[in-house]
Protein backbone atom coordinates (compact mmCIF):
# COMPACT_ATOMS: atom_id res chain seq x y z
CA MET A 1 -86.00 0.64 82.29
CA ARG A 2 -85.47 2.41 78.99
CA PRO A 3 -83.45 0.56 76.30
CA GLN A 4 -80.77 3.28 76.24
CA LEU A 5 -80.16 2.90 79.96
CA VAL A 6 -79.94 -0.88 79.68
CA LEU A 7 -77.42 -0.61 76.84
CA ALA A 8 -75.36 1.96 78.74
CA PHE A 9 -75.33 -0.31 81.80
CA LEU A 10 -74.27 -3.34 79.79
CA LEU A 11 -71.49 -1.46 78.05
CA SER A 12 -70.21 -0.07 81.33
CA ALA A 13 -70.18 -3.56 82.87
CA CYS A 14 -67.25 -4.62 80.74
CA SER A 15 -63.65 -3.57 80.98
CA THR A 16 -61.12 -3.67 78.18
CA HIS A 17 -57.39 -4.23 78.52
CA ILE A 18 -55.21 -3.51 75.49
CA GLU A 19 -51.76 -5.04 75.15
CA LEU A 20 -49.50 -3.58 72.45
CA VAL A 21 -46.45 -5.64 71.45
CA GLY A 22 -44.27 -6.29 68.42
CA PRO A 23 -41.31 -4.72 66.66
CA TYR A 24 -43.42 -1.83 65.30
CA ALA A 25 -45.43 -1.15 68.47
CA THR A 26 -43.92 2.32 68.89
CA ALA A 27 -44.99 3.26 65.35
CA LEU A 28 -48.68 3.11 66.32
CA SER A 29 -50.32 6.29 67.56
CA ALA A 30 -53.15 6.52 70.07
CA GLU A 31 -55.53 7.15 67.14
CA ASP A 32 -54.25 3.99 65.41
CA VAL A 33 -54.87 1.93 68.54
CA GLY A 34 -58.34 3.47 68.90
CA GLN A 35 -59.28 2.58 65.31
CA ILE A 36 -58.03 -1.00 65.71
CA LYS A 37 -59.83 -1.32 69.04
CA ARG A 38 -63.09 -0.32 67.34
CA LEU A 39 -62.47 -2.99 64.68
CA ALA A 40 -61.92 -5.64 67.36
CA ALA A 41 -64.81 -4.57 69.56
CA SER A 42 -67.46 -4.37 66.86
CA THR A 43 -69.92 -6.12 69.17
CA PRO A 44 -70.39 -5.31 72.87
CA HIS A 45 -69.11 -7.88 75.36
CA ILE A 46 -70.08 -8.58 78.92
CA GLY A 47 -67.13 -9.39 81.12
CA ARG A 48 -63.44 -8.63 80.77
CA THR A 49 -62.16 -8.12 77.24
CA THR A 50 -58.50 -8.35 76.30
CA ILE A 51 -57.24 -7.09 72.97
CA LYS A 52 -53.65 -7.97 72.07
CA LEU A 53 -52.21 -5.97 69.19
CA GLU A 54 -49.02 -7.37 67.69
CA ALA A 55 -47.56 -4.74 65.38
CA ILE A 56 -45.77 -6.81 62.73
CA GLY A 57 -45.32 -3.88 60.34
CA ARG A 58 -45.90 -0.13 60.24
CA ASP A 59 -49.25 -0.73 58.54
CA ARG A 60 -50.05 -4.32 59.61
CA VAL A 61 -51.22 -5.63 62.99
CA HIS A 62 -52.27 -9.08 64.20
CA VAL A 63 -55.27 -8.63 66.51
CA ASP A 64 -56.26 -11.19 69.16
CA GLU A 65 -59.55 -10.20 70.83
CA ARG A 66 -60.77 -12.28 73.76
CA CYS A 67 -63.77 -11.92 76.08
CA CYS A 68 -63.39 -13.76 79.36
CA SER A 69 -66.04 -14.67 81.89
CA GLU A 70 -65.87 -16.91 84.94
CA SER A 71 -66.60 -20.08 82.96
CA ASP A 72 -65.42 -19.54 79.40
CA SER A 73 -63.38 -17.50 76.98
CA THR A 74 -64.34 -16.62 73.42
CA GLY A 75 -62.65 -14.49 70.86
CA SER A 76 -61.23 -14.06 67.41
CA THR A 77 -57.96 -13.31 65.73
CA PHE A 78 -57.49 -11.36 62.53
CA TYR A 79 -55.09 -9.07 60.71
CA ALA A 80 -55.68 -5.36 60.30
CA MET A 81 -53.95 -3.12 57.81
CA ARG A 82 -53.78 0.62 57.33
CA ARG A 83 -54.73 2.06 53.95
CA ARG A 84 -54.79 5.84 53.39
CA GLY A 85 -54.74 6.49 57.13
CA THR A 86 -57.66 4.18 57.98
CA TRP A 87 -57.36 0.78 59.66
CA ARG A 88 -59.40 -2.04 58.13
CA THR A 89 -59.70 -5.78 58.53
CA ASP A 90 -57.44 -7.52 56.02
CA GLU A 91 -59.93 -9.32 53.78
CA ASN A 92 -57.18 -11.59 52.39
CA SER A 93 -56.32 -13.06 55.79
CA PRO A 94 -58.58 -15.50 57.61
CA ILE A 95 -60.52 -14.56 60.72
CA GLU A 96 -60.36 -17.33 63.28
CA ALA A 97 -62.86 -17.75 66.11
CA THR A 98 -61.86 -19.53 69.30
CA ALA A 99 -63.71 -20.68 72.38
CA GLU A 100 -62.53 -22.23 75.62
CA ARG A 101 -64.60 -23.54 78.48
CA THR A 102 -63.39 -24.07 82.02
CA ILE A 103 -65.02 -26.81 84.06
CA ILE A 104 -64.35 -26.80 87.77
CA THR A 105 -64.86 -30.05 89.66
CA TYR A 106 -64.73 -30.58 93.37
């Protein structure tokens, strides 16, 4: 199989759900959400991905990106800010990585 087909298959195997909340949620346009989504999904994930955008200001969003599989959940949280119409990761705020593992016993 050609590498392009494999990559296309892997990218199509995931689904992304975006949740938009916060007092400034209505101030974000579809283009804003698209730019922030691209920031959060900078690497392809396999499985279900959830991106929660909490609009805490007109130009500031807390992003919680999580990739879930059957046995674990990994993700990161960071702040994004808009400068001159472009959304960027806020370099002054920490990026936190999280991981959870589910163990099922019978």
